Amino acid sequence: MIIEIIIANWYIILLFFIVAILYSSVGFGGGSSYLAILALSGIVFTQIRATALLCNIVVVSGNVFLFYQQKKMNWKKILPLVLFSIPMAYLGGFLKISQNFFFILLGITLFIAAVTMWISKRIVSSKEKTTHLNLAKNGSYGGIIGFISGMVGIGGGVFLAPLLHLTNWDTPKKIAATASVFILVNSIAGLLGQYSNPDFFIDWNLTSILLITVFIGGQIGSRMSTTYYTPIQLKKATAILIAFVSIRILWKYLF
């Protein structure tokens, strides 16, 4: 049975493996790309969010561990972000939404993510200048991004990291570490919200295979350097793919 599942979904498994390697090598989980792949695969929409979040958790956990070992966590600035994002991500995941609304929201979110990725070249800086801690601002960032992330099924790092770079929130390494923690806790909270919903269901046969796949890919990627490609090259290539998927989804469900 497992062999049959692998043969029937080999292209999804291969794409998940590649995404896990690439994203984990630069500190991200890959949730937006997992969603884009699943959205075009024909998998039941109620399973798409949970599968993407589970894969996020598996991939980004390794990144969080490595950043923690490197002492890149500024918990005084991270905590306000996640304390507000966790309940909002849970609420977003718990909400029952229709298939049509989900795909329209997904299409819009993926398109915004694609634009954010594309322009991030202009806002990622290596400067050491950082802004002072602003609890209200950090809390609002975390709450808004957390809620959207929980509804759609991503960790939110694709929105948070460029925003933090734009505001000189901290050094690039610490922003990457913060994004990893943010993705991890939001993915867990969003998944728990979905699980609390009576309509929650997931096909563990395929999902288990995908989790093993991204775990292996994530372990490889988190130990890779960016010798062969830069984070900017990865973001721009991914932005094109996600933009294509988002337009295709919106065209289908709006027209």
Protein backbone atom coordinates (compact mmCIF):
# COMPACT_ATOMS: atom_id res chain seq x y z
CA MET A 1 0.00 0.00 0.00
CA ILE A 2 2.81 2.39 0.88
CA ILE A 3 4.53 1.67 -2.44
CA GLU A 4 1.28 2.41 -4.29
CA ILE A 5 0.90 5.75 -2.48
CA ILE A 6 4.50 6.71 -3.29
CA ILE A 7 4.08 5.81 -6.97
CA ALA A 8 0.78 7.68 -7.24
CA ASN A 9 2.19 10.82 -5.57
CA TRP A 10 5.88 10.67 -6.51
CA TYR A 11 5.91 14.19 -7.95
CA ILE A 12 4.44 15.70 -4.75
CA ILE A 13 6.97 13.81 -2.62
CA LEU A 14 9.87 14.93 -4.83
CA LEU A 15 8.77 18.57 -4.78
CA PHE A 16 8.34 18.51 -0.98
CA PHE A 17 11.85 17.08 -0.64
CA ILE A 18 13.35 19.85 -2.78
CA VAL A 19 11.39 22.59 -1.00
CA ALA A 20 12.48 21.28 2.42
CA ILE A 21 16.16 21.32 1.43
CA LEU A 22 16.06 24.81 -0.08
CA TYR A 23 13.97 26.51 2.60
CA SER A 24 15.63 24.94 5.62
CA SER A 25 19.04 26.03 4.28
CA VAL A 26 18.00 29.67 4.73
CA GLY A 27 15.97 29.29 7.93
CA PHE A 28 12.40 28.86 6.66
CA GLY A 29 9.84 26.05 6.76
CA GLY A 30 8.45 26.24 3.21
CA GLY A 31 4.77 26.40 4.14
CA SER A 32 3.80 28.69 1.27
CA SER A 33 5.39 26.36 -1.28
CA TYR A 34 3.83 23.26 0.32
CA LEU A 35 0.44 24.96 0.04
CA ALA A 36 1.09 25.88 -3.59
CA ILE A 37 2.00 22.28 -4.44
CA LEU A 38 -0.96 20.79 -2.57
CA ALA A 39 -3.39 23.31 -4.05
CA LEU A 40 -2.62 22.00 -7.53
CA SER A 41 -2.50 18.33 -6.54
CA GLY A 42 -6.23 17.69 -6.14
CA ILE A 43 -5.95 16.75 -2.46
CA VAL A 44 -9.09 17.49 -0.43
CA PHE A 45 -8.88 21.11 0.69
CA THR A 46 -9.61 20.31 4.36
CA GLN A 47 -6.31 18.40 4.52
CA ILE A 48 -4.13 20.96 2.78
CA ARG A 49 -3.68 23.30 5.76
CA ALA A 50 -2.90 20.56 8.27
CA THR A 51 -0.42 18.81 5.97
CA ALA A 52 1.45 22.05 5.23
CA LEU A 53 1.63 22.98 8.92
CA LEU A 54 2.88 19.54 9.96
CA CYS A 55 5.62 19.73 7.34
CA ASN A 56 6.48 23.22 8.55
CA ILE A 57 6.88 21.97 12.11
CA VAL A 58 9.16 19.11 11.08
CA VAL A 59 11.42 21.28 8.91
CA VAL A 60 11.73 24.40 11.04
CA SER A 61 12.33 22.56 14.33
CA GLY A 62 15.86 21.78 13.17
CA ASN A 63 16.46 25.43 12.34
CA VAL A 64 15.25 26.57 15.77
CA PHE A 65 17.61 24.10 17.46
CA LEU A 66 20.61 25.28 15.43
CA PHE A 67 19.86 28.98 16.03
CA TYR A 68 19.46 28.25 19.74
CA GLN A 69 22.87 26.57 19.81
CA GLN A 70 24.35 29.62 18.05
CA LYS A 71 22.76 31.91 20.69
CA LYS A 72 20.90 33.96 18.07
CA MET A 73 17.64 34.17 20.03
CA ASN A 74 16.71 37.59 21.42
CA TRP A 75 13.87 36.37 23.64
CA LYS A 76 13.05 39.84 24.95
CA LYS A 77 12.00 40.83 21.41
CA ILE A 78 10.70 37.44 20.29
CA LEU A 79 8.24 36.86 23.14
CA PRO A 80 5.88 39.79 22.36
CA LEU A 81 5.63 38.56 18.77
CA VAL A 82 4.75 34.97 19.63
CA LEU A 83 2.60 35.68 22.71
CA PHE A 84 0.11 37.53 20.51
CA SER A 85 0.51 35.32 17.45
CA ILE A 86 -0.12 31.98 19.20
CA PRO A 87 -3.77 32.60 20.25
CA MET A 88 -4.52 34.34 16.94
CA ALA A 89 -3.03 31.49 14.90
CA TYR A 90 -5.09 29.03 16.98
CA LEU A 91 -8.24 31.05 16.30
CA GLY A 92 -7.45 31.25 12.59
CA GLY A 93 -6.92 27.50 12.44
CA PHE A 94 -10.11 26.77 14.41
CA LEU A 95 -12.40 28.79 12.15
CA LYS A 96 -14.51 26.71 9.80
CA ILE A 97 -14.29 28.11 6.28
CA SER A 98 -15.79 26.98 2.99
CA GLN A 99 -13.73 25.51 0.18
CA ASN A 100 -14.33 28.50 -2.09
CA PHE A 101 -13.36 31.03 0.61
CA PHE A 102 -10.28 29.02 1.53
CA PHE A 103 -8.92 28.94 -2.00
CA ILE A 104 -9.66 32.63 -2.62
CA LEU A 105 -7.89 33.51 0.65
CA LEU A 106 -5.06 31.14 -0.25
CA GLY A 107 -4.70 32.70 -3.70
CA ILE A 108 -4.56 36.23 -2.28
CA THR A 109 -2.13 35.20 0.46
CA LEU A 110 0.18 33.39 -1.95
CA PHE A 111 0.18 36.36 -4.32
CA ILE A 112 1.11 38.75 -1.48
CA ALA A 113 3.79 36.28 -0.37
CA ALA A 114 5.17 36.16 -3.93
CA VAL A 115 5.36 39.97 -4.16
CA THR A 116 6.98 40.15 -0.72
CA MET A 117 9.59 37.58 -1.72
CA TRP A 118 10.34 39.36 -4.99
CA ILE A 119 10.94 42.80 -3.44
CA SER A 120 12.79 41.43 -0.40
CA LYS A 121 16.08 41.94 -2.25
CA ARG A 122 15.65 45.65 -1.66
CA ILE A 123 14.91 45.41 2.04
CA VAL A 124 17.31 42.74 3.33
CA SER A 125 20.30 44.48 4.81
CA SER A 126 23.47 43.35 6.52
CA LYS A 127 23.61 46.43 8.72
CA GLU A 128 23.94 45.94 12.43
CA LYS A 129 21.65 48.88 13.21
CA THR A 130 18.54 47.77 15.09
CA THR A 131 15.43 49.47 16.42
CA HIS A 132 14.46 49.65 20.07
CA LEU A 133 11.93 47.22 21.51
CA ASN A 134 8.32 48.32 20.95
CA LEU A 135 5.92 45.92 22.69
CA ALA A 136 2.74 47.27 21.07
CA LYS A 137 4.20 47.17 17.57
CA ASN A 138 5.67 43.69 18.02
CA GLY A 139 2.38 42.43 19.42
CA SER A 140 0.40 43.83 16.49
CA TYR A 141 2.82 42.31 13.97
CA GLY A 142 2.52 38.91 15.62
CA GLY A 143 -1.26 38.99 16.08
CA ILE A 144 -2.16 39.98 12.51
CA ILE A 145 0.31 37.66 10.80
CA GLY A 146 -0.57 34.84 13.21
CA PHE A 147 -4.29 35.03 12.46
CA ILE A 148 -3.80 35.00 8.68
CA SER A 149 -1.25 32.20 8.99
CA GLY A 150 -3.62 30.03 11.03
CA MET A 151 -6.47 30.47 8.54
CA VAL A 152 -4.37 29.70 5.48
CA GLY A 153 -2.00 27.08 6.89
CA ILE A 154 1.45 28.70 6.87
CA GLY A 155 3.87 29.68 9.61
CA GLY A 156 3.97 33.34 8.67
CA GLY A 157 7.72 33.69 8.27
CA VAL A 158 7.36 34.74 4.64
CA PHE A 159 5.53 37.87 5.84
CA LEU A 160 7.34 38.48 9.12
CA ALA A 161 10.98 38.33 7.99
CA PRO A 162 10.74 41.01 5.24
CA LEU A 163 8.75 43.24 7.60
CA LEU A 164 11.42 42.94 10.30
CA HIS A 165 14.19 43.67 7.81
CA LEU A 166 12.30 46.70 6.54
CA THR A 167 12.03 48.14 10.05
CA ASN A 168 15.65 47.28 11.01
CA TRP A 169 14.16 45.15 13.78
CA ASP A 170 17.45 43.36 14.49
CA THR A 171 20.47 41.89 12.73
CA PRO A 172 19.80 39.55 9.76
CA LYS A 173 20.87 36.44 11.69
CA LYS A 174 18.62 37.25 14.64
CA ILE A 175 15.73 38.01 12.30
CA ALA A 176 16.19 34.59 10.69
CA ALA A 177 16.21 32.99 14.15
CA THR A 178 13.09 34.94 15.14
CA ALA A 179 11.29 33.90 11.94
CA SER A 180 12.11 30.25 12.67
CA VAL A 181 10.63 30.44 16.18
CA PHE A 182 7.61 32.35 14.86
CA ILE A 183 6.97 29.75 12.14
CA LEU A 184 7.27 26.89 14.63
CA VAL A 185 4.89 28.22 17.29
CA ASN A 186 2.35 29.51 14.75
CA SER A 187 2.33 26.21 12.90
CA ILE A 188 1.72 24.32 16.16
CA ALA A 189 -1.00 26.75 17.27
CA GLY A 190 -2.72 26.73 13.87
CA LEU A 191 -2.63 22.94 13.77
CA LEU A 192 -4.11 22.68 17.29
CA GLY A 193 -6.86 25.07 16.22
CA GLN A 194 -7.70 22.87 13.25
CA TYR A 195 -7.58 19.75 15.41
CA SER A 196 -10.08 21.34 17.82
CA ASN A 197 -12.54 21.77 14.97
CA PRO A 198 -14.99 18.80 14.80
CA ASP A 199 -14.54 18.63 11.01
CA PHE A 200 -10.80 18.03 11.23
CA PHE A 201 -9.58 15.10 9.14
CA ILE A 202 -6.25 14.14 7.63
CA ASP A 203 -5.06 11.24 5.49
CA TRP A 204 -2.12 9.95 7.51
CA ASN A 205 -1.00 7.52 4.78
CA LEU A 206 0.25 10.24 2.43
CA THR A 207 0.97 12.78 5.18
CA SER A 208 3.31 10.38 7.03
CA ILE A 209 5.34 9.86 3.86
CA LEU A 210 5.54 13.61 3.29
CA LEU A 211 6.65 14.21 6.89
CA ILE A 212 9.47 11.69 6.55
CA THR A 213 10.43 13.28 3.23
CA VAL A 214 10.63 16.84 4.57
CA PHE A 215 12.42 15.67 7.72
CA ILE A 216 15.22 14.20 5.61
CA GLY A 217 15.24 17.23 3.31
CA GLY A 218 15.20 19.62 6.24
CA GLN A 219 18.15 17.89 7.92
CA ILE A 220 20.13 18.12 4.69
CA GLY A 221 19.21 21.74 4.05
CA SER A 222 19.84 23.01 7.58
CA ARG A 223 23.42 21.76 7.32
CA MET A 224 24.04 23.17 3.86
CA SER A 225 25.72 26.45 3.12
CA THR A 226 24.49 28.86 0.48
CA THR A 227 27.52 28.25 -1.72
CA TYR A 228 25.55 27.35 -4.82
CA TYR A 229 22.71 29.83 -4.46
CA THR A 230 21.84 32.81 -2.31
CA PRO A 231 18.67 33.41 -0.27
CA ILE A 232 17.74 36.14 -2.77
CA GLN A 233 17.99 33.74 -5.73
CA LEU A 234 15.84 31.22 -3.87
CA LYS A 235 13.24 33.84 -2.98
CA LYS A 236 12.98 35.17 -6.54
CA ALA A 237 12.63 31.72 -8.09
CA THR A 238 10.03 30.74 -5.47
CA ALA A 239 8.19 34.04 -5.95
CA ILE A 240 7.65 33.27 -9.64
CA LEU A 241 6.30 29.80 -8.86
CA ILE A 242 3.99 30.99 -6.07
CA ALA A 243 2.71 33.92 -8.15
CA PHE A 244 1.81 31.52 -10.97
CA VAL A 245 -0.04 29.21 -8.56
CA SER A 246 -1.87 32.09 -6.87
CA ILE A 247 -3.09 33.53 -10.18
CA ARG A 248 -4.22 30.09 -11.31
CA ILE A 249 -6.16 29.53 -8.06
CA LEU A 250 -7.78 32.98 -8.14
CA TRP A 251 -8.74 32.57 -11.79
CA LYS A 252 -10.43 29.26 -11.04
CA TYR A 253 -12.36 30.35 -7.93
CA LEU A 254 -13.17 33.93 -8.86
CA PHE A 255 -14.04 33.50 -12.52
